Protein backbone atom coordinates (compact mmCIF):
# COMPACT_ATOMS: atom_id res chain seq x y z
CA MET A 1 -83.49 -54.07 14.81
CA SER A 2 -82.37 -53.13 18.30
CA THR A 3 -78.77 -53.88 19.29
CA LYS A 4 -78.26 -55.55 22.65
CA VAL A 5 -75.52 -54.33 24.99
CA ALA A 6 -74.45 -56.12 28.16
CA THR A 7 -73.90 -54.36 31.48
CA THR A 8 -71.93 -51.18 30.87
CA CYS A 9 -68.68 -50.16 32.54
CA VAL A 10 -66.35 -47.18 32.84
CA LEU A 11 -63.60 -46.77 30.22
CA LYS A 12 -60.39 -45.47 31.77
CA SER A 13 -57.64 -43.47 30.10
CA ILE A 14 -54.47 -44.45 31.99
CA ASN A 15 -50.95 -43.15 31.41
CA PRO A 16 -48.78 -46.32 31.15
CA TYR A 17 -45.67 -44.33 32.07
CA ASN A 18 -46.81 -43.67 35.64
CA GLY A 19 -50.18 -45.41 36.04
CA GLU A 20 -52.09 -42.15 36.46
CA VAL A 21 -55.78 -42.21 35.56
CA LEU A 22 -56.12 -39.30 33.16
CA LYS A 23 -59.84 -39.39 32.45
CA THR A 24 -62.83 -41.70 32.59
CA PHE A 25 -65.70 -42.22 30.17
CA ASP A 26 -69.04 -43.94 30.68
CA GLU A 27 -69.72 -46.75 28.27
CA MET A 28 -72.71 -46.14 26.03
CA THR A 29 -76.03 -47.54 27.18
CA PRO A 30 -78.09 -49.87 24.95
CA ALA A 31 -80.40 -46.99 24.09
CA GLU A 32 -77.46 -44.74 23.13
CA VAL A 33 -75.97 -47.43 20.91
CA ASP A 34 -79.28 -48.05 19.17
CA SER A 35 -79.72 -44.31 18.64
CA ALA A 36 -76.20 -44.00 17.20
CA ILE A 37 -76.81 -46.77 14.68
CA ALA A 38 -80.17 -45.27 13.73
CA LYS A 39 -78.54 -41.87 13.13
CA ALA A 40 -75.81 -43.48 11.04
CA ASP A 41 -78.36 -45.37 8.95
CA GLU A 42 -80.36 -42.19 8.37
CA ALA A 43 -77.22 -40.14 7.62
CA PHE A 44 -76.23 -42.65 4.95
CA ARG A 45 -79.42 -41.91 2.96
CA GLN A 46 -78.29 -38.31 2.59
CA TRP A 47 -74.51 -38.77 2.47
CA ARG A 48 -74.66 -41.22 -0.43
CA GLU A 49 -76.30 -38.48 -2.51
CA THR A 50 -73.49 -35.94 -1.96
CA THR A 51 -70.99 -35.35 -4.75
CA PHE A 52 -67.45 -36.65 -4.78
CA GLN A 53 -66.26 -33.06 -4.89
CA HIS A 54 -68.15 -32.24 -1.69
CA ARG A 55 -66.74 -35.27 0.12
CA ALA A 56 -63.21 -34.53 -1.12
CA GLY A 57 -63.40 -30.97 0.20
CA ILE A 58 -64.26 -32.20 3.67
CA LEU A 59 -61.51 -34.83 3.60
CA ARG A 60 -58.97 -32.15 2.67
CA ARG A 61 -60.16 -30.10 5.65
CA VAL A 62 -59.61 -33.15 7.89
CA ALA A 63 -56.03 -33.33 6.61
CA GLU A 64 -55.54 -29.62 7.34
CA LEU A 65 -56.83 -30.01 10.90
CA LEU A 66 -54.60 -33.01 11.50
CA ARG A 67 -51.57 -30.91 10.59
CA GLU A 68 -52.79 -27.93 12.62
CA ARG A 69 -53.40 -30.08 15.70
CA ARG A 70 -50.34 -32.30 15.25
CA GLU A 71 -48.72 -31.56 18.60
CA GLU A 72 -51.97 -31.72 20.55
CA LEU A 73 -53.00 -35.07 19.07
CA ALA A 74 -49.52 -36.56 19.36
CA THR A 75 -49.39 -35.60 23.03
CA ILE A 76 -52.76 -37.22 23.74
CA MET A 77 -51.49 -40.38 22.08
CA THR A 78 -48.25 -40.41 24.08
CA LEU A 79 -50.01 -39.83 27.39
CA GLU A 80 -52.68 -42.43 26.74
CA MET A 81 -50.79 -45.39 25.24
CA GLY A 82 -47.13 -44.58 25.89
CA LYS A 83 -45.86 -44.07 22.34
CA LYS A 84 -42.74 -41.89 22.26
CA ILE A 85 -43.59 -38.39 21.15
CA GLU A 86 -41.09 -38.65 18.30
CA ASP A 87 -43.05 -41.67 17.03
CA ALA A 88 -46.46 -40.09 17.65
CA ARG A 89 -45.95 -37.00 15.49
CA PRO A 90 -45.26 -38.95 12.26
CA GLU A 91 -48.44 -40.96 12.85
CA ILE A 92 -50.49 -37.77 12.65
CA ASP A 93 -48.62 -36.82 9.46
CA LEU A 94 -49.44 -40.23 7.97
CA CYS A 95 -53.13 -39.77 8.77
CA ALA A 96 -53.14 -36.45 6.93
CA THR A 97 -51.66 -38.08 3.82
CA ILE A 98 -54.40 -40.74 3.90
CA PHE A 99 -57.20 -38.17 3.89
CA ASP A 100 -55.44 -36.18 1.17
CA TYR A 101 -54.90 -39.32 -0.92
CA TYR A 102 -58.58 -40.22 -1.03
CA ALA A 103 -59.61 -36.62 -1.61
CA ASP A 104 -57.26 -36.50 -4.60
CA ASN A 105 -57.79 -40.00 -6.01
CA GLY A 106 -61.20 -41.22 -4.87
CA VAL A 107 -63.05 -40.00 -7.96
CA SER A 108 -60.75 -41.74 -10.44
CA ILE A 109 -60.61 -44.98 -8.43
CA LEU A 110 -64.40 -45.19 -8.19
CA ALA A 111 -65.05 -44.15 -11.80
CA PRO A 112 -67.45 -46.41 -13.75
CA LYS A 113 -65.93 -49.04 -16.01
CA GLU A 114 -67.35 -50.19 -19.33
CA TYR A 115 -67.66 -53.83 -20.36
CA ASP A 116 -68.45 -55.01 -23.87
CA THR A 117 -70.56 -57.99 -24.92
CA PRO A 118 -71.41 -59.12 -28.45
CA GLU A 119 -74.92 -57.74 -27.92
CA GLY A 120 -74.19 -54.45 -26.19
CA LYS A 121 -72.41 -52.61 -23.41
CA GLY A 122 -72.39 -52.95 -19.66
CA LEU A 123 -71.39 -50.36 -17.11
CA LEU A 124 -69.86 -51.27 -13.74
CA VAL A 125 -70.62 -48.63 -11.11
CA ASN A 126 -69.20 -48.50 -7.59
CA GLN A 127 -71.92 -47.67 -5.09
CA PRO A 128 -71.68 -47.33 -1.28
CA VAL A 129 -73.23 -50.11 0.78
CA GLY A 130 -74.18 -48.24 3.96
CA VAL A 131 -72.97 -48.48 7.56
CA VAL A 132 -69.41 -49.84 7.94
CA TYR A 133 -68.30 -50.87 11.42
CA GLY A 134 -64.61 -50.44 12.28
CA ILE A 135 -63.19 -52.27 15.32
CA GLN A 136 -59.81 -50.68 16.00
CA PRO A 137 -56.71 -51.45 18.13
CA TRP A 138 -54.83 -49.09 20.43
CA ASN A 139 -51.32 -49.23 18.95
CA PHE A 140 -51.94 -46.60 16.22
CA PRO A 141 -54.95 -44.81 17.67
CA PHE A 142 -55.29 -42.20 14.91
CA TYR A 143 -53.89 -44.07 11.91
CA GLN A 144 -56.06 -47.17 12.38
CA PRO A 145 -59.45 -45.40 12.26
CA SER A 146 -58.15 -43.11 9.48
CA ARG A 147 -57.55 -45.98 7.09
CA VAL A 148 -61.19 -47.03 7.40
CA ALA A 149 -62.87 -43.64 7.74
CA ALA A 150 -61.10 -41.80 4.90
CA PRO A 151 -61.80 -44.25 2.05
CA GLN A 152 -65.27 -45.28 3.18
CA ILE A 153 -66.52 -41.74 3.77
CA MET A 154 -65.15 -40.80 0.36
CA ALA A 155 -66.99 -43.77 -1.17
CA GLY A 156 -70.27 -42.52 0.32
CA ASN A 157 -70.50 -44.95 3.22
CA VAL A 158 -70.86 -43.96 6.87
CA VAL A 159 -68.63 -45.32 9.63
CA LEU A 160 -69.13 -46.50 13.19
CA THR A 161 -65.81 -46.74 15.05
CA LYS A 162 -65.42 -48.88 18.14
CA HIS A 163 -61.94 -47.98 19.37
CA ALA A 164 -59.85 -49.88 21.90
CA SER A 165 -61.01 -49.31 25.47
CA ASN A 166 -57.64 -48.00 26.66
CA VAL A 167 -57.51 -45.06 24.21
CA PRO A 168 -60.87 -43.30 24.77
CA GLN A 169 -59.32 -39.83 24.60
CA CYS A 170 -57.81 -40.55 21.19
CA ALA A 171 -61.16 -41.91 20.02
CA GLU A 172 -62.99 -38.78 21.15
CA ALA A 173 -60.35 -36.48 19.63
CA PHE A 174 -60.52 -38.26 16.25
CA ASP A 175 -64.30 -38.08 16.12
CA GLN A 176 -64.30 -34.40 17.11
CA LEU A 177 -61.70 -33.58 14.48
CA LEU A 178 -63.91 -35.10 11.75
CA LYS A 179 -66.91 -33.15 12.97
CA ASP A 180 -64.88 -29.92 13.10
CA ALA A 181 -63.90 -30.54 9.47
CA GLY A 182 -67.57 -30.59 8.48
CA ILE A 183 -68.44 -34.28 8.43
CA PRO A 184 -72.17 -34.40 9.30
CA GLU A 185 -73.59 -36.03 12.41
CA GLY A 186 -73.96 -39.76 11.82
CA VAL A 187 -71.46 -40.01 8.97
CA HIS A 188 -68.81 -40.87 11.55
CA THR A 189 -69.68 -41.99 15.07
CA ASN A 190 -67.41 -42.94 17.96
CA LEU A 191 -68.95 -45.83 19.88
CA ARG A 192 -67.74 -45.84 23.49
CA LEU A 193 -67.90 -49.57 24.04
CA SER A 194 -65.88 -52.17 25.92
CA ALA A 195 -64.57 -55.26 24.13
CA ARG A 196 -67.31 -57.47 25.55
CA ASN A 197 -69.98 -55.37 23.83
CA ALA A 198 -68.14 -54.79 20.55
CA GLY A 199 -69.49 -57.87 18.82
CA ASN A 200 -73.14 -57.04 19.41
CA ILE A 201 -73.07 -54.35 16.72
CA ILE A 202 -72.30 -56.98 14.07
CA ASP A 203 -75.74 -58.57 14.52
CA ASP A 204 -77.55 -55.33 13.73
CA ASP A 205 -79.20 -55.52 10.29
CA ARG A 206 -78.40 -51.86 9.62
CA VAL A 207 -74.64 -52.60 9.65
CA GLN A 208 -73.41 -53.80 6.25
CA GLY A 209 -69.71 -54.54 6.74
CA VAL A 210 -66.99 -54.91 9.36
CA ALA A 211 -63.31 -53.89 9.28
CA PHE A 212 -61.30 -55.41 12.11
CA THR A 213 -57.68 -54.94 13.13
CA GLY A 214 -56.37 -56.90 16.10
CA SER A 215 -55.44 -60.36 17.27
CA ASN A 216 -56.03 -63.56 15.33
CA LYS A 217 -58.29 -64.85 18.11
CA GLY A 218 -60.39 -61.68 18.10
CA GLY A 219 -60.54 -61.60 14.32
CA ALA A 220 -61.69 -65.20 14.12
CA ALA A 221 -64.57 -64.45 16.49
CA VAL A 222 -65.59 -61.33 14.54
CA ALA A 223 -65.37 -63.11 11.18
CA GLU A 224 -67.45 -66.02 12.47
CA GLN A 225 -70.17 -63.71 13.76
CA ALA A 226 -70.17 -61.63 10.57
CA GLY A 227 -70.33 -64.81 8.51
CA ARG A 228 -73.49 -65.92 10.32
CA ASN A 229 -74.95 -62.53 9.38
CA VAL A 230 -73.67 -62.74 5.79
CA LYS A 231 -71.64 -59.54 6.10
CA LYS A 232 -68.46 -58.59 4.30
CA THR A 233 -65.36 -58.35 6.49
CA VAL A 234 -61.79 -57.14 6.16
CA MET A 235 -59.36 -58.68 8.66
CA GLU A 236 -55.91 -57.29 9.48
CA LEU A 237 -54.61 -59.63 12.16
CA GLY A 238 -51.33 -60.47 13.84
CA GLY A 239 -47.96 -60.99 12.26
CA VAL A 240 -44.53 -62.45 12.97
CA ASP A 241 -42.82 -60.62 10.14
CA PRO A 242 -39.45 -61.90 8.90
CA PHE A 243 -36.54 -59.45 8.62
CA ILE A 244 -34.11 -61.28 6.31
CA VAL A 245 -30.48 -60.12 6.24
CA LEU A 246 -28.46 -61.61 3.39
CA GLU A 247 -24.67 -61.73 3.37
CA ASP A 248 -24.29 -58.80 0.96
CA ALA A 249 -26.43 -56.36 2.99
CA ASP A 250 -25.13 -52.91 3.95
CA MET A 251 -24.69 -53.58 7.66
CA ASP A 252 -24.78 -49.95 8.82
CA ALA A 253 -28.04 -49.26 7.02
CA THR A 254 -29.54 -52.61 8.04
CA ILE A 255 -28.85 -52.03 11.74
CA GLU A 256 -30.61 -48.66 11.49
CA ARG A 257 -33.61 -50.30 9.82
CA PHE A 258 -33.60 -53.00 12.49
CA LYS A 259 -33.66 -50.37 15.24
CA PHE A 260 -36.65 -48.64 13.69
CA GLY A 261 -38.42 -51.87 12.81
CA LYS A 262 -38.07 -53.29 16.30
CA LEU A 263 -38.31 -50.21 18.56
CA HIS A 264 -40.69 -47.83 16.76
CA ALA A 265 -43.81 -47.64 18.95
CA THR A 266 -41.88 -49.91 21.38
CA GLY A 267 -42.26 -52.78 18.93
CA GLN A 268 -46.06 -52.76 19.26
CA ILE A 269 -46.76 -52.92 15.53
CA CYS A 270 -48.41 -55.73 13.59
CA ILE A 271 -45.81 -55.31 10.84
CA ALA A 272 -42.84 -54.84 13.19
CA ALA A 273 -39.67 -56.82 12.46
CA LYS A 274 -40.28 -59.80 14.72
CA ARG A 275 -38.25 -62.74 13.36
CA ILE A 276 -34.73 -61.61 12.45
CA ILE A 277 -33.36 -64.14 9.96
CA LEU A 278 -29.58 -63.83 9.49
CA VAL A 279 -27.45 -65.66 6.95
CA GLU A 280 -24.81 -67.29 9.15
CA SER A 281 -21.79 -65.62 7.51
CA ILE A 282 -22.85 -62.19 8.85
CA ALA A 283 -24.86 -63.33 11.88
CA GLN A 284 -22.25 -62.67 14.56
CA GLU A 285 -21.48 -59.16 13.36
CA PHE A 286 -25.19 -58.30 13.33
CA LEU A 287 -25.75 -59.80 16.79
CA ASP A 288 -22.78 -57.99 18.32
CA ARG A 289 -23.96 -54.63 17.00
CA ALA A 290 -27.65 -55.20 17.78
CA THR A 291 -26.87 -56.34 21.33
CA ARG A 292 -24.71 -53.30 22.03
CA LEU A 293 -27.43 -51.05 20.64
CA PHE A 294 -30.19 -52.53 22.80
CA ALA A 295 -28.01 -52.55 25.94
CA SER A 296 -27.26 -48.84 25.51
CA LEU A 297 -30.90 -47.71 25.60
CA GLU A 298 -32.37 -46.23 28.77
CA PRO A 299 -36.08 -46.10 29.71
CA GLY A 300 -37.82 -42.81 30.37
CA ASP A 301 -40.78 -40.51 29.93
CA PRO A 302 -42.08 -40.96 26.36
CA LEU A 303 -42.74 -37.20 26.25
CA ASP A 304 -38.98 -36.61 26.66
CA GLU A 305 -37.22 -36.51 23.29
CA SER A 306 -34.05 -38.04 24.81
CA THR A 307 -35.82 -41.18 26.09
CA GLY A 308 -34.30 -44.42 24.78
CA TYR A 309 -37.48 -46.44 25.03
CA GLY A 310 -40.90 -45.98 26.56
CA PRO A 311 -43.44 -48.30 28.17
CA VAL A 312 -45.71 -50.72 26.38
CA CYS A 313 -49.41 -49.86 26.41
CA ASN A 314 -50.08 -50.99 29.98
CA GLU A 315 -48.71 -53.14 32.77
CA LYS A 316 -50.95 -56.08 31.87
CA ALA A 317 -49.39 -56.24 28.40
CA ALA A 318 -45.90 -55.97 29.92
CA ILE A 319 -46.61 -58.87 32.30
CA GLN A 320 -47.82 -61.02 29.42
CA LEU A 321 -44.72 -60.20 27.40
CA GLU A 322 -42.48 -60.98 30.39
CA GLN A 323 -44.19 -64.36 30.76
CA GLN A 324 -43.68 -65.16 27.08
CA ILE A 325 -39.98 -64.31 27.39
CA ASN A 326 -39.51 -66.32 30.59
CA GLU A 327 -41.36 -69.36 29.24
CA SER A 328 -39.30 -69.27 26.06
CA VAL A 329 -36.04 -69.09 28.05
CA ALA A 330 -37.24 -71.95 30.27
CA SER A 331 -37.85 -73.95 27.08
CA GLY A 332 -34.27 -73.39 25.95
CA ALA A 333 -34.13 -70.00 24.23
CA LYS A 334 -30.96 -68.01 24.83
CA LEU A 335 -31.37 -64.48 26.18
CA LEU A 336 -28.67 -62.16 24.82
CA VAL A 337 -29.88 -58.89 26.29
CA GLY A 338 -32.91 -57.43 28.09
CA GLY A 339 -35.93 -59.41 29.18
CA LYS A 340 -36.59 -57.58 32.45
CA ARG A 341 -39.82 -55.79 33.34
CA ASP A 342 -40.41 -52.71 35.50
CA GLY A 343 -44.07 -51.79 35.63
CA ALA A 344 -45.18 -51.24 32.03
CA PHE A 345 -41.57 -51.11 30.80
CA ILE A 346 -39.90 -54.10 29.11
CA GLN A 347 -36.20 -53.88 28.33
CA PRO A 348 -35.38 -54.18 24.62
CA THR A 349 -34.72 -57.89 24.27
CA ILE A 350 -32.85 -60.21 21.91
CA MET A 351 -33.27 -63.99 22.02
CA THR A 352 -31.64 -66.73 19.94
CA ASP A 353 -31.88 -70.53 19.70
CA ILE A 354 -35.69 -70.36 19.69
CA PRO A 355 -37.10 -73.83 20.53
CA LYS A 356 -40.00 -75.22 18.54
CA GLY A 357 -43.28 -74.93 20.41
CA SER A 358 -42.10 -72.16 22.75
CA PRO A 359 -44.05 -68.87 22.94
CA ALA A 360 -41.27 -67.16 20.97
CA ASP A 361 -41.74 -69.73 18.20
CA CYS A 362 -45.50 -69.88 17.84
CA GLU A 363 -46.93 -66.67 19.37
CA GLU A 364 -46.73 -62.99 18.47
CA LEU A 365 -44.52 -61.19 21.01
CA PHE A 366 -45.99 -57.70 20.81
CA GLY A 367 -43.21 -55.48 22.09
CA PRO A 368 -39.47 -54.68 21.87
CA VAL A 369 -38.37 -58.32 21.48
CA ALA A 370 -36.20 -59.52 18.59
CA LEU A 371 -36.19 -63.24 17.85
CA ILE A 372 -33.03 -64.34 16.04
CA HIS A 373 -32.92 -67.21 13.54
CA ILE A 374 -29.72 -68.27 11.76
CA ALA A 375 -29.99 -69.46 8.15
CA LYS A 376 -27.37 -71.40 6.20
CA ASP A 377 -28.01 -69.45 3.00
CA GLU A 378 -30.66 -67.61 1.01
CA GLU A 379 -32.76 -70.71 0.40
CA ASP A 380 -32.75 -71.59 4.09
CA ALA A 381 -33.72 -68.01 4.99
CA ILE A 382 -36.77 -68.27 2.73
CA ARG A 383 -37.70 -71.61 4.31
CA ILE A 384 -37.51 -70.13 7.82
CA ALA A 385 -39.48 -67.04 6.79
CA ASN A 386 -42.33 -69.15 5.41
CA ASP A 387 -42.36 -71.58 8.34
CA SER A 388 -45.17 -69.72 10.07
CA ASP A 389 -48.96 -69.69 10.28
CA PHE A 390 -48.86 -65.91 9.76
CA GLY A 391 -48.18 -63.84 6.66
CA LEU A 392 -48.61 -60.12 7.15
CA GLY A 393 -45.42 -58.30 6.13
CA GLY A 394 -41.71 -58.87 5.79
CA SER A 395 -38.46 -57.41 4.51
CA VAL A 396 -35.28 -58.46 2.71
CA HIS A 397 -31.95 -56.64 3.08
CA THR A 398 -29.33 -56.95 0.36
CA ASN A 399 -27.19 -54.77 -1.92
CA ASP A 400 -28.43 -56.75 -4.94
CA LEU A 401 -31.86 -55.25 -5.69
CA GLU A 402 -32.83 -57.89 -8.23
CA ARG A 403 -31.93 -60.60 -5.75
CA GLY A 404 -33.98 -58.82 -3.10
CA ARG A 405 -37.02 -58.64 -5.38
CA ARG A 406 -36.66 -62.32 -6.25
CA VAL A 407 -36.51 -63.33 -2.58
CA ALA A 408 -39.40 -61.00 -1.69
CA GLU A 409 -41.62 -62.68 -4.30
CA ARG A 410 -41.11 -66.01 -2.55
CA ILE A 411 -42.07 -64.81 0.93
CA GLU A 412 -45.62 -65.81 1.89
CA SER A 413 -46.96 -62.45 3.03
CA GLY A 414 -49.28 -59.61 2.08
CA THR A 415 -46.40 -57.16 1.72
CA CYS A 416 -42.64 -57.53 1.51
CA PHE A 417 -40.13 -54.70 1.26
CA VAL A 418 -36.55 -54.69 0.00
CA ASN A 419 -34.04 -52.59 1.96
CA GLN A 420 -36.79 -51.10 4.10
CA ILE A 421 -38.87 -52.51 6.92
CA SER A 422 -42.43 -53.48 6.09
CA TRP A 423 -44.32 -50.21 6.33
CA THR A 424 -47.51 -48.44 5.29
CA TYR A 425 -48.32 -45.71 2.80
CA ALA A 426 -51.62 -44.13 1.79
CA SER A 427 -51.01 -45.02 -1.85
CA MET A 428 -50.08 -48.69 -1.27
CA PRO A 429 -52.46 -51.48 -0.23
CA MET A 430 -51.69 -53.56 2.84
CA GLY A 431 -53.09 -56.73 4.35
CA GLY A 432 -52.17 -60.32 5.05
CA VAL A 433 -52.51 -63.97 4.12
CA LYS A 434 -52.84 -67.15 6.17
CA LYS A 435 -53.74 -66.36 9.80
CA SER A 436 -52.79 -62.72 9.31
CA GLY A 437 -56.16 -62.09 7.71
CA TYR A 438 -57.63 -61.15 4.35
CA GLY A 439 -58.76 -58.14 2.39
CA ARG A 440 -56.78 -54.96 1.83
CA GLU A 441 -56.78 -51.45 3.25
CA LEU A 442 -55.47 -48.18 1.78
CA ALA A 443 -54.76 -47.29 -1.86
CA ASP A 444 -57.31 -48.28 -4.53
CA LEU A 445 -57.93 -51.76 -3.13
CA GLY A 446 -58.91 -50.39 0.28
CA ILE A 447 -61.69 -48.14 -0.93
CA MET A 448 -63.17 -50.96 -3.02
CA GLU A 449 -63.68 -53.35 -0.09
CA PHE A 450 -67.04 -51.89 0.94
CA VAL A 451 -68.64 -50.78 -2.31
CA ASN A 452 -71.23 -52.57 -4.40
CA GLN A 453 -69.63 -53.17 -7.78
CA LYS A 454 -72.91 -53.18 -9.67
CA LEU A 455 -73.23 -54.03 -13.33
CA ILE A 456 -75.80 -52.07 -15.32
CA CYS A 457 -76.66 -53.31 -18.80
CA VAL A 458 -78.89 -51.41 -21.21
CA PHE A 459 -80.17 -53.12 -24.34
CA ASP A 460 -82.36 -52.06 -27.19
CA LYS A 461 -86.06 -52.58 -26.38
CA ASP A 462 -86.37 -55.19 -29.14
CA HIS A 463 -83.36 -57.22 -28.04
CA VAL A 464 -84.07 -60.78 -26.90
CA ILE A 465 -81.39 -63.04 -25.39
């Protein structure tokens, strides 16, 4: 089946710090896309027959190259999407741990499992399904494709990656790194496509599954299209994660976690601390310290280690964020600090008294904006946390660990951390509930999303049911 592609365009790599066009890439033509899918489909027939040990060896080489090229890859990331260099380097480290994790654990996770019946035994085997299509966002341009490519390549699948249009250099660098590690042509393919052509791949009969990370609106469209084609999907969508501070929290440590949770990657993280829920007895102390912290930060070149905060991914995103802030203030929200835009820079911002129905109440503000909610007590904090259509991550901060675990269990989310911001690890599954999506990535659950869990039963030739 041939895949249709609309009129092609030029993909631009633009430095959000200064607006400089770094490089341009031609979007793939319809013929090039069709050829790429055909190569992936053919590569799968051979790759599925390779041994786990062979795949693991290549994945370990990917991890080695990630560590060897750490500074080079981090710099590309910083130049292309504005992430501070001190935030970019750990992302490359995280990617290396993901490839190592699946190299070390893939065999045991995918091992066959026996089932017993009164008449005989069954064997559940985990077999690859074929071509998996990953549609990736720009905010973690190496981590996001890693968490699809590493487990699925280890499982014996092949991967087509359509990366965000504003990070084409990162997309090319990731694909080249995999090839340099020994991954054969077609086992991983970078599709240079704009957003308007991304969905066309889903209709192709050779594609067996889709992993999407992005907005709720985009995810809904992808899931609908995949559903019409009866294809498995994994959706990691937006979040408005609660950051609950109880009255017995260690304030020094909590402020440090808040800083990281709100300003890492300039707040452009699905699982960033977005709704800060403070028990009223400690609210003023937290606000005073957080406001002073945000007011002290100075903008600058994200390649400079001394920079307080960098730009968001582009000026368009900054304008949208500015509009959300201004509309929320016009609706009655109180601006404590920040809120101003300069090009692609948005000042670190804190708002309180969030009115119902305002953008700050019902939309995801994807940037360095903290939305403060005051709770009467623990029970009220849980109510506020769950008063959302989203449920990706969250965190609870308290000196009573048992209390923290108890509160975390009651938060409606895919993950919830105690005394740490919601974060990601190769060995722990992540994903959301409600409008934050479904399915899981990473750890054992992630690798199982796109395998055929096939039951094989062997009975004696004379057996009759």
